[in-house]
C-alpha atoms as a PDB file:
ATOM      1  CA  GLY A   1     167.632 132.706 175.816  1.00  0.00           C
ATOM      2  CA  LEU A   2     164.636 134.773 174.776  1.00  0.00           C
ATOM      3  CA  LEU A   3     166.802 137.881 174.494  1.00  0.00           C
ATOM      4  CA  ASP A   4     168.857 136.190 171.790  1.00  0.00           C
ATOM      5  CA  ILE A   5     165.756 134.925 169.978  1.00  0.00           C
ATOM      6  CA  PHE A   6     164.215 138.396 169.820  1.00  0.00           C
ATOM      7  CA  GLN A   7     167.603 140.029 169.251  1.00  0.00           C
ATOM      8  CA  ALA A   8     166.945 142.590 171.950  1.00  0.00           C
ATOM      9  CA  GLY A   9     169.917 144.818 172.598  1.00  0.00           C
ATOM     10  CA  ILE A  10     171.135 145.489 176.142  1.00  0.00           C
ATOM     11  CA  PRO A  11     173.125 148.652 176.859  1.00  0.00           C
ATOM     12  CA  GLU A  12     176.553 147.953 178.338  1.00  0.00           C
ATOM     13  CA  LYS A  13     175.733 149.816 181.553  1.00  0.00           C
ATOM     14  CA  VAL A  14     172.603 147.716 182.039  1.00  0.00           C
ATOM     15  CA  ARG A  15     174.547 144.544 181.222  1.00  0.00           C
ATOM     16  CA  LYS A  16     177.028 145.311 184.005  1.00  0.00           C
ATOM     17  CA  GLN A  17     174.197 145.914 186.463  1.00  0.00           C
ATOM     18  CA  ILE A  18     172.594 142.622 185.443  1.00  0.00           C
ATOM     19  CA  GLY A  19     175.906 140.870 186.045  1.00  0.00           C
ATOM     20  CA  GLN A  20     176.117 142.397 189.524  1.00  0.00           C
ATOM     21  CA  TRP A  21     172.585 141.303 190.349  1.00  0.00           C
ATOM     22  CA  GLN A  22     173.359 137.769 189.221  1.00  0.00           C
ATOM     23  CA  GLU A  23     176.557 137.753 191.283  1.00  0.00           C
ATOM     24  CA  ASP A  24     174.435 138.679 194.296  1.00  0.00           C
ATOM     25  CA  GLY A  25     172.177 135.700 193.613  1.00  0.00           C
ATOM     26  CA  GLN A  26     169.145 137.683 192.504  1.00  0.00           C
ATOM     27  CA  SER A  27     166.736 136.528 189.793  1.00  0.00           C
ATOM     28  CA  VAL A  28     166.624 138.859 186.784  1.00  0.00           C
ATOM     29  CA  VAL A  29     163.352 139.480 184.919  1.00  0.00           C
ATOM     30  CA  PHE A  30     163.250 141.174 181.495  1.00  0.00           C
ATOM     31  CA  TYR A  31     160.290 143.104 180.052  1.00  0.00           C
ATOM     32  CA  GLY A  32     160.193 143.943 176.375  1.00  0.00           C
ATOM     33  CA  GLN A  33     158.066 144.673 173.340  1.00  0.00           C
ATOM     34  CA  GLU A  34     159.004 142.840 170.159  1.00  0.00           C
ATOM     35  CA  THR A  35     162.751 143.510 169.794  1.00  0.00           C
ATOM     36  CA  ARG A  36     162.885 146.390 172.270  1.00  0.00           C
ATOM     37  CA  LEU A  37     163.898 145.872 175.888  1.00  0.00           C
ATOM     38  CA  LEU A  38     161.740 148.057 178.118  1.00  0.00           C
ATOM     39  CA  ALA A  39     162.796 147.193 181.666  1.00  0.00           C
ATOM     40  CA  VAL A  40     164.934 144.882 183.752  1.00  0.00           C
ATOM     41  CA  LEU A  41     164.026 143.923 187.318  1.00  0.00           C
ATOM     42  CA  ALA A  42     165.963 142.072 189.992  1.00  0.00           C
ATOM     43  CA  ILE A  43     164.039 139.861 192.430  1.00  0.00           C
ATOM     44  CA  SER A  44     165.457 138.356 195.571  1.00  0.00           C
ATOM     45  CA  ASP A  45     163.632 135.842 197.768  1.00  0.00           C
ATOM     46  CA  ARG A  46     164.119 136.522 201.459  1.00  0.00           C
ATOM     47  CA  ILE A  47     165.127 133.461 203.442  1.00  0.00           C
ATOM     48  CA  LYS A  48     162.971 132.980 206.531  1.00  0.00           C
ATOM     49  CA  PRO A  49     164.921 133.369 209.784  1.00  0.00           C
ATOM     50  CA  THR A  50     163.862 129.885 210.954  1.00  0.00           C
ATOM     51  CA  SER A  51     164.942 128.062 207.781  1.00  0.00           C
ATOM     52  CA  ALA A  52     168.637 127.804 208.687  1.00  0.00           C
ATOM     53  CA  GLU A  53     167.798 126.311 212.084  1.00  0.00           C
ATOM     54  CA  ALA A  54     165.332 123.910 210.442  1.00  0.00           C
ATOM     55  CA  VAL A  55     167.982 122.619 208.021  1.00  0.00           C
ATOM     56  CA  LYS A  56     170.452 122.276 210.884  1.00  0.00           C
ATOM     57  CA  GLU A  57     167.940 120.264 212.913  1.00  0.00           C
ATOM     58  CA  LEU A  58     167.129 118.011 209.943  1.00  0.00           C
ATOM     59  CA  LYS A  59     170.821 117.231 209.518  1.00  0.00           C
ATOM     60  CA  LYS A  60     171.092 116.503 213.231  1.00  0.00           C
ATOM     61  CA  GLN A  61     168.325 113.922 212.749  1.00  0.00           C
ATOM     62  CA  GLY A  62     170.434 112.230 210.061  1.00  0.00           C
ATOM     63  CA  ILE A  63     168.437 113.565 207.115  1.00  0.00           C
ATOM     64  CA  GLU A  64     170.206 114.564 203.899  1.00  0.00           C
ATOM     65  CA  VAL A  65     168.878 117.914 202.637  1.00  0.00           C
ATOM     66  CA  HIS A  66     168.621 118.773 198.925  1.00  0.00           C
ATOM     67  CA  LEU A  67     167.495 122.037 197.313  1.00  0.00           C
ATOM     68  CA  LEU A  68     165.575 122.072 194.012  1.00  0.00           C
ATOM     69  CA  THR A  69     164.663 125.443 192.528  1.00  0.00           C
ATOM     70  CA  GLY A  70     163.552 126.960 189.276  1.00  0.00           C
ATOM     71  CA  ASP A  71     165.691 130.027 190.020  1.00  0.00           C
ATOM     72  CA  GLY A  72     169.089 130.630 188.459  1.00  0.00           C
ATOM     73  CA  VAL A  73     172.340 129.016 189.491  1.00  0.00           C
ATOM     74  CA  ARG A  74     173.593 132.102 191.353  1.00  0.00           C
ATOM     75  CA  THR A  75     170.432 132.279 193.460  1.00  0.00           C
ATOM     76  CA  ALA A  76     170.620 128.560 194.240  1.00  0.00           C
ATOM     77  CA  GLU A  77     174.284 128.870 195.223  1.00  0.00           C
ATOM     78  CA  ARG A  78     173.539 131.791 197.552  1.00  0.00           C
ATOM     79  CA  VAL A  79     170.618 130.061 199.266  1.00  0.00           C
ATOM     80  CA  ALA A  80     172.483 126.752 199.559  1.00  0.00           C
ATOM     81  CA  ALA A  81     175.512 128.492 201.056  1.00  0.00           C
ATOM     82  CA  THR A  82     173.393 130.502 203.497  1.00  0.00           C
ATOM     83  CA  LEU A  83     171.508 127.418 204.688  1.00  0.00           C
ATOM     84  CA  ASP A  84     174.549 125.098 204.510  1.00  0.00           C
ATOM     85  CA  ILE A  85     172.889 122.753 201.993  1.00  0.00           C
ATOM     86  CA  GLY A  86     175.414 120.575 200.203  1.00  0.00           C
ATOM     87  CA  TYR A  87     173.151 119.314 197.410  1.00  0.00           C
ATOM     88  CA  TYR A  88     171.259 121.666 195.112  1.00  0.00           C
ATOM     89  CA  LYS A  89     170.045 121.945 191.532  1.00  0.00           C
ATOM     90  CA  ALA A  90     168.970 125.162 189.833  1.00  0.00           C
ATOM     91  CA  GLU A  91     166.801 126.058 186.838  1.00  0.00           C
ATOM     92  CA  VAL A  92     164.721 122.888 187.187  1.00  0.00           C
ATOM     93  CA  MET A  93     161.309 122.344 185.629  1.00  0.00           C
ATOM     94  CA  PRO A  94     158.559 120.244 187.283  1.00  0.00           C
ATOM     95  CA  ASN A  95     159.667 117.184 185.291  1.00  0.00           C
ATOM     96  CA  ASP A  96     163.255 117.731 186.418  1.00  0.00           C
ATOM     97  CA  LYS A  97     162.195 117.707 190.076  1.00  0.00           C
ATOM     98  CA  GLU A  98     160.404 114.409 189.601  1.00  0.00           C
ATOM     99  CA  GLU A  99     163.388 112.892 187.780  1.00  0.00           C
ATOM    100  CA  TYR A 100     165.715 114.071 190.551  1.00  0.00           C
ATOM    101  CA  ILE A 101     163.584 112.300 193.165  1.00  0.00           C
ATOM    102  CA  ILE A 102     163.488 109.141 191.046  1.00  0.00           C
ATOM    103  CA  SER A 103     167.298 109.195 190.826  1.00  0.00           C
ATOM    104  CA  LEU A 104     167.544 109.386 194.632  1.00  0.00           C
ATOM    105  CA  GLN A 105     165.066 106.529 195.022  1.00  0.00           C
ATOM    106  CA  GLN A 106     167.088 104.415 192.595  1.00  0.00           C
ATOM    107  CA  GLN A 107     170.023 104.863 194.978  1.00  0.00           C
ATOM    108  CA  GLY A 108     167.905 103.132 197.639  1.00  0.00           C
ATOM    109  CA  LYS A 109     167.017 106.316 199.520  1.00  0.00           C
ATOM    110  CA  LYS A 110     163.649 107.163 201.045  1.00  0.00           C
ATOM    111  CA  VAL A 111     162.725 110.633 199.820  1.00  0.00           C
ATOM    112  CA  ALA A 112     160.545 113.253 201.506  1.00  0.00           C
ATOM    113  CA  MET A 113     159.597 116.172 199.264  1.00  0.00           C
ATOM    114  CA  VAL A 114     158.536 119.550 200.643  1.00  0.00           C
ATOM    115  CA  GLY A 115     156.772 121.930 198.271  1.00  0.00           C
ATOM    116  CA  ASP A 116     154.095 124.595 198.117  1.00  0.00           C
ATOM    117  CA  GLY A 117     153.285 125.173 194.458  1.00  0.00           C
ATOM    118  CA  ILE A 118     151.725 123.613 191.381  1.00  0.00           C
ATOM    119  CA  ASN A 119     155.205 123.104 189.931  1.00  0.00           C
ATOM    120  CA  ASP A 120     155.993 120.846 192.915  1.00  0.00           C
ATOM    121  CA  SER A 121     152.976 118.566 192.414  1.00  0.00           C
ATOM    122  CA  GLN A 122     154.747 115.989 190.221  1.00  0.00           C
ATOM    123  CA  ALA A 123     157.628 115.643 192.659  1.00  0.00           C
ATOM    124  CA  LEU A 124     155.267 115.484 195.640  1.00  0.00           C
ATOM    125  CA  ALA A 125     153.311 112.661 194.015  1.00  0.00           C
ATOM    126  CA  ARG A 126     156.527 110.750 193.265  1.00  0.00           C
ATOM    127  CA  ALA A 127     158.165 111.095 196.710  1.00  0.00           C
ATOM    128  CA  ASP A 128     157.895 108.428 199.411  1.00  0.00           C
ATOM    129  CA  VAL A 129     156.695 111.115 201.824  1.00  0.00           C
ATOM    130  CA  SER A 130     155.175 114.383 200.592  1.00  0.00           C
ATOM    131  CA  VAL A 131     154.838 117.519 202.689  1.00  0.00           C
ATOM    132  CA  ALA A 132     152.937 120.661 201.665  1.00  0.00           C
ATOM    133  CA  MET A 133     153.125 124.093 203.237  1.00  0.00           C
ATOM    134  CA  GLY A 134     149.918 125.453 204.761  1.00  0.00           C
ATOM    135  CA  LYS A 135     150.092 128.710 202.800  1.00  0.00           C
ATOM    136  CA  GLY A 136     150.819 126.981 199.486  1.00  0.00           C
ATOM    137  CA  THR A 137     148.489 126.018 196.656  1.00  0.00           C
ATOM    138  CA  ASP A 138     145.495 123.721 197.076  1.00  0.00           C
ATOM    139  CA  VAL A 139     146.968 121.335 194.486  1.00  0.00           C
ATOM    140  CA  ALA A 140     150.072 120.766 196.597  1.00  0.00           C
ATOM    141  CA  MET A 141     148.012 120.212 199.747  1.00  0.00           C
ATOM    142  CA  ASP A 142     145.652 117.783 197.976  1.00  0.00           C
ATOM    143  CA  ILE A 143     148.567 115.633 196.795  1.00  0.00           C
ATOM    144  CA  ALA A 144     150.694 115.788 199.944  1.00  0.00           C
ATOM    145  CA  MET A 145     150.465 113.219 202.726  1.00  0.00           C
ATOM    146  CA  VAL A 146     151.289 115.852 205.357  1.00  0.00           C
ATOM    147  CA  THR A 147     150.419 119.559 205.408  1.00  0.00           C
ATOM    148  CA  LEU A 148     152.210 121.914 207.770  1.00  0.00           C
ATOM    149  CA  MET A 149     149.795 124.447 209.250  1.00  0.00           C
ATOM    150  CA  ASN A 150     151.874 127.381 208.040  1.00  0.00           C
ATOM    151  CA  SER A 151     154.893 127.982 205.828  1.00  0.00           C
ATOM    152  CA  ASP A 152     157.428 127.840 208.655  1.00  0.00           C
ATOM    153  CA  LEU A 153     160.011 125.181 207.797  1.00  0.00           C
ATOM    154  CA  ALA A 154     160.841 124.825 211.498  1.00  0.00           C
ATOM    155  CA  LEU A 155     157.712 122.657 211.817  1.00  0.00           C
ATOM    156  CA  LEU A 156     159.215 120.022 209.523  1.00  0.00           C
ATOM    157  CA  PRO A 157     161.852 118.550 211.894  1.00  0.00           C
ATOM    158  CA  ARG A 158     159.245 118.599 214.671  1.00  0.00           C
ATOM    159  CA  ALA A 159     156.804 116.683 212.471  1.00  0.00           C
ATOM    160  CA  ILE A 160     159.463 114.113 211.580  1.00  0.00           C
ATOM    161  CA  LYS A 161     160.450 113.698 215.227  1.00  0.00           C
ATOM    162  CA  LEU A 162     156.781 113.233 216.187  1.00  0.00           C
ATOM    163  CA  SER A 163     156.245 110.638 213.441  1.00  0.00           C
ATOM    164  CA  ARG A 164     159.312 108.663 214.531  1.00  0.00           C
ATOM    165  CA  LYS A 165     158.137 108.656 218.145  1.00  0.00           C
ATOM    166  CA  THR A 166     154.664 107.573 217.023  1.00  0.00           C
ATOM    167  CA  VAL A 167     156.029 104.626 215.041  1.00  0.00           C
ATOM    168  CA  ARG A 168     158.250 103.602 217.961  1.00  0.00           C
ATOM    169  CA  ILE A 169     155.307 103.644 220.382  1.00  0.00           C
ATOM    170  CA  ILE A 170     153.153 101.647 217.941  1.00  0.00           C
ATOM    171  CA  ARG A 171     155.855  98.969 217.861  1.00  0.00           C
ATOM    172  CA  GLU A 172     156.106  98.976 221.654  1.00  0.00           C
ATOM    173  CA  ASN A 173     152.330  98.602 221.959  1.00  0.00           C
ATOM    174  CA  LEU A 174     152.318  95.716 219.499  1.00  0.00           C
ATOM    175  CA  PHE A 175     155.092  94.031 221.492  1.00  0.00           C
ATOM    176  CA  TRP A 176     153.181  94.263 224.784  1.00  0.00           C
ATOM    177  CA  ALA A 177     149.862  93.256 223.193  1.00  0.00           C
ATOM    178  CA  PHE A 178     151.335  90.214 221.486  1.00  0.00           C
ATOM    179  CA  GLY A 179     153.381  89.385 224.589  1.00  0.00           C
ATOM    180  CA  TYR A 180     150.217  89.336 226.677  1.00  0.00           C
ATOM    181  CA  ASN A 181     148.453  87.046 224.209  1.00  0.00           C
ATOM    182  CA  VAL A 182     151.412  84.711 223.741  1.00  0.00           C
ATOM    183  CA  VAL A 183     151.842  84.234 227.506  1.00  0.00           C
ATOM    184  CA  CYS A 184     148.328  84.480 228.929  1.00  0.00           C
ATOM    185  CA  ILE A 185     146.175  82.685 226.347  1.00  0.00           C
ATOM    186  CA  PRO A 186     148.017  79.325 226.711  1.00  0.00           C
ATOM    187  CA  ILE A 187     147.834  79.653 230.506  1.00  0.00           C
ATOM    188  CA  ALA A 188     144.117  80.419 230.313  1.00  0.00           C
ATOM    189  CA  ALA A 189     143.722  77.396 228.023  1.00  0.00           C
ATOM    190  CA  GLY A 190     145.230  75.182 230.752  1.00  0.00           C
ATOM    191  CA  VAL A 191     148.730  74.491 229.442  1.00  0.00           C
ATOM    192  CA  LEU A 192     150.077  74.725 233.024  1.00  0.00           C
ATOM    193  CA  TYR A 193     147.162  72.817 234.596  1.00  0.00           C
ATOM    194  CA  PRO A 194     149.245  69.634 235.042  1.00  0.00           C
ATOM    195  CA  VAL A 195     151.477  71.537 237.499  1.00  0.00           C
ATOM    196  CA  GLY A 196     148.530  73.030 239.333  1.00  0.00           C
ATOM    197  CA  ILE A 197     148.428  76.496 237.674  1.00  0.00           C
ATOM    198  CA  LEU A 198     145.205  77.681 236.062  1.00  0.00           C
ATOM    199  CA  LEU A 199     144.255  81.255 235.204  1.00  0.00           C
ATOM    200  CA  SER A 200     140.799  81.980 236.549  1.00  0.00           C
ATOM    201  CA  PRO A 201     138.377  84.142 234.491  1.00  0.00           C
ATOM    202  CA  MET A 202     138.700  86.922 237.095  1.00  0.00           C
ATOM    203  CA  TRP A 203     142.471  87.141 236.738  1.00  0.00           C
ATOM    204  CA  ALA A 204     142.229  86.778 232.958  1.00  0.00           C
ATOM    205  CA  SER A 205     139.879  89.794 232.829  1.00  0.00           C
ATOM    206  CA  ALA A 206     142.212  91.788 235.093  1.00  0.00           C
ATOM    207  CA  ALA A 207     145.197  90.916 232.914  1.00  0.00           C
ATOM    208  CA  MET A 208     143.290  91.955 229.787  1.00  0.00           C
ATOM    209  CA  ALA A 209     142.336  95.277 231.375  1.00  0.00           C
ATOM    210  CA  PHE A 210     145.955  95.852 232.454  1.00  0.00           C
ATOM    211  CA  SER A 211     147.124  95.152 228.904  1.00  0.00           C
ATOM    212  CA  SER A 212     144.736  97.770 227.498  1.00  0.00           C
ATOM    213  CA  VAL A 213     145.648 100.330 230.171  1.00  0.00           C
ATOM    214  CA  SER A 214     149.373  99.838 229.593  1.00  0.00           C
ATOM    215  CA  VAL A 215     148.928 100.447 225.851  1.00  0.00           C
ATOM    216  CA  ILE A 216     146.925 103.640 226.493  1.00  0.00           C
ATOM    217  CA  LEU A 217     149.402 104.972 229.058  1.00  0.00           C
ATOM    218  CA  ASN A 218     152.303 104.233 226.707  1.00  0.00           C
ATOM    219  CA  SER A 219     150.539 106.084 223.875  1.00  0.00           C
ATOM    220  CA  LEU A 220     149.918 109.110 226.100  1.00  0.00           C
ATOM    221  CA  ARG A 221     153.687 109.598 226.361  1.00  0.00           C
ATOM    222  CA  LEU A 222     153.472 111.332 222.965  1.00  0.00           C
ATOM    223  CA  ARG A 223     152.149 114.403 224.757  1.00  0.00           C
END
């Protein structure tokens, strides 16, 4: 990489330490001046305690979890192994994240992207569902369809469960509303009058009120 371009020499002792850091899944940062290496730092992102449980819950809901990161392969392997994520890709640029999502969509999959930075904005815009973290950048939150109030990934499976329940209740409400109209409007129009059945305005109003109340009570189940 850049070390080769600038022909910066690395002492053998430092090279061994770098290898150990990489084996441990840490990201290595080099500081130098012209062709002289001044310092080497190892950075390790701490995995939030709730992330493993969040991934487990997502899988339980039938969701396939993928990890995209700009970090090195070793870091990606460590995080994926810790969180039990079977699909991951390391050293990706913003364009790579977008292309990865496109490839999943071409397989007929619906893709939800979770990100918190500017480098996630392309992928967030491309995904079928985009989720930003509350403590992320404004760009990510502006693009995303959903913003979690904080950066706790445990909120994600809860949000998905809530959205699924909401859609199910909307469908139930549509069923009851259309059912009421399909049955009651013809009766009110006199289709059963030849057999002596006619819906009076009073009962029609009561039925309409009951229809509205049933929809509201069904919606309140989301609590």
